C-alpha atoms as a PDB file:
ATOM      1  CA  ASN A   1     116.705 123.973 133.016  1.00  0.00           C
ATOM      2  CA  GLU A   2     113.661 122.172 131.637  1.00  0.00           C
ATOM      3  CA  PRO A   3     110.791 120.748 133.706  1.00  0.00           C
ATOM      4  CA  ALA A   4     111.218 117.152 134.815  1.00  0.00           C
ATOM      5  CA  THR A   5     109.402 114.764 132.473  1.00  0.00           C
ATOM      6  CA  VAL A   6     108.720 111.074 133.041  1.00  0.00           C
ATOM      7  CA  ILE A   7     107.303 108.839 130.305  1.00  0.00           C
ATOM      8  CA  LEU A   8     105.852 105.777 131.968  1.00  0.00           C
ATOM      9  CA  THR A   9     105.398 102.615 129.902  1.00  0.00           C
ATOM     10  CA  LYS A  10     105.029  98.895 130.488  1.00  0.00           C
ATOM     11  CA  SER A  11     108.043  96.748 129.663  1.00  0.00           C
ATOM     12  CA  ILE A  12     107.998  94.199 126.846  1.00  0.00           C
ATOM     13  CA  ASP A  13     110.128  91.243 125.794  1.00  0.00           C
ATOM     14  CA  LEU A  14     113.278  92.048 123.816  1.00  0.00           C
ATOM     15  CA  ASP A  15     112.052  90.255 120.709  1.00  0.00           C
ATOM     16  CA  GLU A  16     108.735  92.178 120.580  1.00  0.00           C
ATOM     17  CA  PRO A  17     108.200  95.277 118.404  1.00  0.00           C
ATOM     18  CA  ASN A  18     108.890  98.582 120.168  1.00  0.00           C
ATOM     19  CA  ASN A  19     105.241  99.359 120.908  1.00  0.00           C
ATOM     20  CA  PHE A  20     105.291 100.311 124.576  1.00  0.00           C
ATOM     21  CA  GLU A  21     101.915 100.625 126.300  1.00  0.00           C
ATOM     22  CA  LYS A  22     101.737 103.913 128.234  1.00  0.00           C
ATOM     23  CA  VAL A  23     100.728 103.837 131.917  1.00  0.00           C
ATOM     24  CA  SER A  24      98.155 106.426 133.017  1.00  0.00           C
ATOM     25  CA  ASP A  25      96.750 107.398 136.418  1.00  0.00           C
ATOM     26  CA  ALA A  26     100.015 106.728 138.272  1.00  0.00           C
ATOM     27  CA  SER A  27     101.403 108.708 141.192  1.00  0.00           C
ATOM     28  CA  VAL A  28     104.817 110.054 140.094  1.00  0.00           C
ATOM     29  CA  ARG A  29     106.884 111.977 142.654  1.00  0.00           C
ATOM     30  CA  ILE A  30     110.412 113.400 142.483  1.00  0.00           C
ATOM     31  CA  THR A  31     112.425 114.458 145.544  1.00  0.00           C
ATOM     32  CA  ASP A  32     115.820 116.176 145.462  1.00  0.00           C
ATOM     33  CA  ASN A  33     118.629 115.777 148.011  1.00  0.00           C
ATOM     34  CA  ALA A  34     117.602 119.105 149.608  1.00  0.00           C
ATOM     35  CA  GLY A  35     114.218 117.583 150.532  1.00  0.00           C
ATOM     36  CA  LYS A  36     112.089 119.374 147.909  1.00  0.00           C
ATOM     37  CA  THR A  37     109.331 117.093 146.642  1.00  0.00           C
ATOM     38  CA  GLU A  38     106.982 117.530 143.721  1.00  0.00           C
ATOM     39  CA  LEU A  39     104.093 115.406 142.505  1.00  0.00           C
ATOM     40  CA  LEU A  40     104.186 115.369 138.698  1.00  0.00           C
ATOM     41  CA  TYR A  41     101.028 115.946 136.655  1.00  0.00           C
ATOM     42  CA  GLU A  42      99.926 113.717 133.789  1.00  0.00           C
ATOM     43  CA  VAL A  43      99.906 115.996 130.732  1.00  0.00           C
ATOM     44  CA  ALA A  44      99.276 113.240 128.165  1.00  0.00           C
ATOM     45  CA  ASN A  45      98.706 109.496 128.247  1.00  0.00           C
ATOM     46  CA  GLY A  46     101.644 108.160 130.317  1.00  0.00           C
ATOM     47  CA  VAL A  47     103.560 111.481 130.246  1.00  0.00           C
ATOM     48  CA  TYR A  48     104.119 113.203 133.597  1.00  0.00           C
ATOM     49  CA  THR A  49     105.777 116.591 134.080  1.00  0.00           C
ATOM     50  CA  SER A  50     106.757 118.919 136.915  1.00  0.00           C
ATOM     51  CA  GLN A  51     105.494 122.458 137.427  1.00  0.00           C
ATOM     52  CA  MET A  52     108.306 123.878 139.569  1.00  0.00           C
ATOM     53  CA  LEU A  53     111.145 121.325 139.690  1.00  0.00           C
ATOM     54  CA  ARG A  54     114.116 121.979 137.407  1.00  0.00           C
ATOM     55  CA  GLY A  55     117.177 119.745 137.272  1.00  0.00           C
ATOM     56  CA  GLU A  56     120.419 121.115 138.680  1.00  0.00           C
ATOM     57  CA  ILE A  57     123.944 119.854 138.106  1.00  0.00           C
ATOM     58  CA  GLY A  58     125.297 118.027 141.155  1.00  0.00           C
ATOM     59  CA  LYS A  59     121.913 117.317 142.745  1.00  0.00           C
ATOM     60  CA  THR A  60     120.614 113.822 143.394  1.00  0.00           C
ATOM     61  CA  TYR A  61     116.985 113.056 142.564  1.00  0.00           C
ATOM     62  CA  SER A  62     114.784 110.216 143.780  1.00  0.00           C
ATOM     63  CA  LEU A  63     111.825 108.997 141.738  1.00  0.00           C
ATOM     64  CA  LEU A  64     108.842 107.243 143.332  1.00  0.00           C
ATOM     65  CA  ILE A  65     106.132 105.749 141.115  1.00  0.00           C
ATOM     66  CA  GLU A  66     103.007 104.050 142.433  1.00  0.00           C
ATOM     67  CA  SER A  67     100.678 102.342 139.975  1.00  0.00           C
ATOM     68  CA  ASN A  68      98.467  99.245 139.975  1.00  0.00           C
ATOM     69  CA  ASN A  69      99.505  98.309 143.539  1.00  0.00           C
ATOM     70  CA  LYS A  70     103.193  98.394 142.564  1.00  0.00           C
ATOM     71  CA  THR A  71     105.914 100.761 143.740  1.00  0.00           C
ATOM     72  CA  ILE A  72     108.957 101.582 141.624  1.00  0.00           C
ATOM     73  CA  THR A  73     111.874 103.679 142.880  1.00  0.00           C
ATOM     74  CA  SER A  74     114.956 105.082 141.210  1.00  0.00           C
ATOM     75  CA  GLN A  75     117.705 107.558 141.996  1.00  0.00           C
ATOM     76  CA  CYS A  76     120.151 109.530 139.856  1.00  0.00           C
ATOM     77  CA  LYS A  77     122.593 112.398 140.105  1.00  0.00           C
ATOM     78  CA  ILE A  78     122.990 115.000 137.364  1.00  0.00           C
ATOM     79  CA  PRO A  79     126.701 115.017 136.502  1.00  0.00           C
ATOM     80  CA  PRO A  80     128.626 118.070 135.308  1.00  0.00           C
ATOM     81  CA  ALA A  81     128.617 118.682 131.558  1.00  0.00           C
ATOM     82  CA  VAL A  82     131.481 117.019 129.707  1.00  0.00           C
ATOM     83  CA  PRO A  83     133.181 119.404 127.288  1.00  0.00           C
ATOM     84  CA  ILE A  84     133.439 118.075 123.729  1.00  0.00           C
ATOM     85  CA  ASP A  85     136.747 118.865 122.086  1.00  0.00           C
ATOM     86  CA  SER A  86     135.656 117.877 118.565  1.00  0.00           C
ATOM     87  CA  PHE A  87     133.563 115.326 116.703  1.00  0.00           C
ATOM     88  CA  THR A  88     133.480 113.487 113.388  1.00  0.00           C
ATOM     89  CA  VAL A  89     130.414 112.354 111.431  1.00  0.00           C
ATOM     90  CA  ILE A  90     130.807 109.185 109.367  1.00  0.00           C
ATOM     91  CA  ASN A  91     128.245 107.912 106.847  1.00  0.00           C
ATOM     92  CA  SER A  92     128.009 104.177 107.487  1.00  0.00           C
ATOM     93  CA  ILE A  93     125.885 101.358 106.074  1.00  0.00           C
ATOM     94  CA  TYR A  94     125.388 100.019 109.587  1.00  0.00           C
ATOM     95  CA  PRO A  95     126.361 101.415 113.005  1.00  0.00           C
ATOM     96  CA  GLY A  96     129.889 100.229 113.692  1.00  0.00           C
ATOM     97  CA  GLY A  97     130.374  99.355 109.999  1.00  0.00           C
ATOM     98  CA  GLY A  98     129.500  96.054 108.387  1.00  0.00           C
ATOM     99  CA  SER A  99     126.388  94.964 106.545  1.00  0.00           C
ATOM    100  CA  PRO A 100     122.781  95.848 107.358  1.00  0.00           C
ATOM    101  CA  ARG A 101     120.749  93.349 109.389  1.00  0.00           C
ATOM    102  CA  GLY A 102     117.310  92.127 108.396  1.00  0.00           C
ATOM    103  CA  ASN A 103     115.344  94.653 106.361  1.00  0.00           C
ATOM    104  CA  GLN A 104     117.481  97.695 107.228  1.00  0.00           C
ATOM    105  CA  SER A 105     118.049  99.934 104.243  1.00  0.00           C
ATOM    106  CA  ALA A 106     118.380 103.471 105.605  1.00  0.00           C
ATOM    107  CA  PRO A 107     121.855 105.004 105.909  1.00  0.00           C
ATOM    108  CA  PHE A 108     123.226 105.388 109.397  1.00  0.00           C
ATOM    109  CA  TYR A 109     125.561 108.037 110.705  1.00  0.00           C
ATOM    110  CA  GLU A 110     128.139 107.524 113.415  1.00  0.00           C
ATOM    111  CA  VAL A 111     129.239 110.433 115.545  1.00  0.00           C
ATOM    112  CA  LYS A 112     132.626 109.973 117.183  1.00  0.00           C
ATOM    113  CA  LEU A 113     133.193 112.340 120.111  1.00  0.00           C
ATOM    114  CA  ILE A 114     136.756 113.180 121.008  1.00  0.00           C
END
């Protein structure tokens, strides 16, 4: 039951470092399947949040972004929560097992949901 938050960044090539440039001064609007619409406010560079809109299970939401003479749209439905029966945490050298790649040295943990 949190406010809707959209972090708007420019895309980059897959082989580039994960330094995503934030997009400011965009128009970001969310509409639910009941027709309620809210214009999100930019609360930080590239971060937009709602004042009233809260996500509800089973509702479908449409996103409309307008920036730099481009329009981007998206739609999603919030599914019901999936109950977790149990889970296991495994200390692994690399996700999925195996050897680290490149300069990876930190331990990884896998969580297996059942």
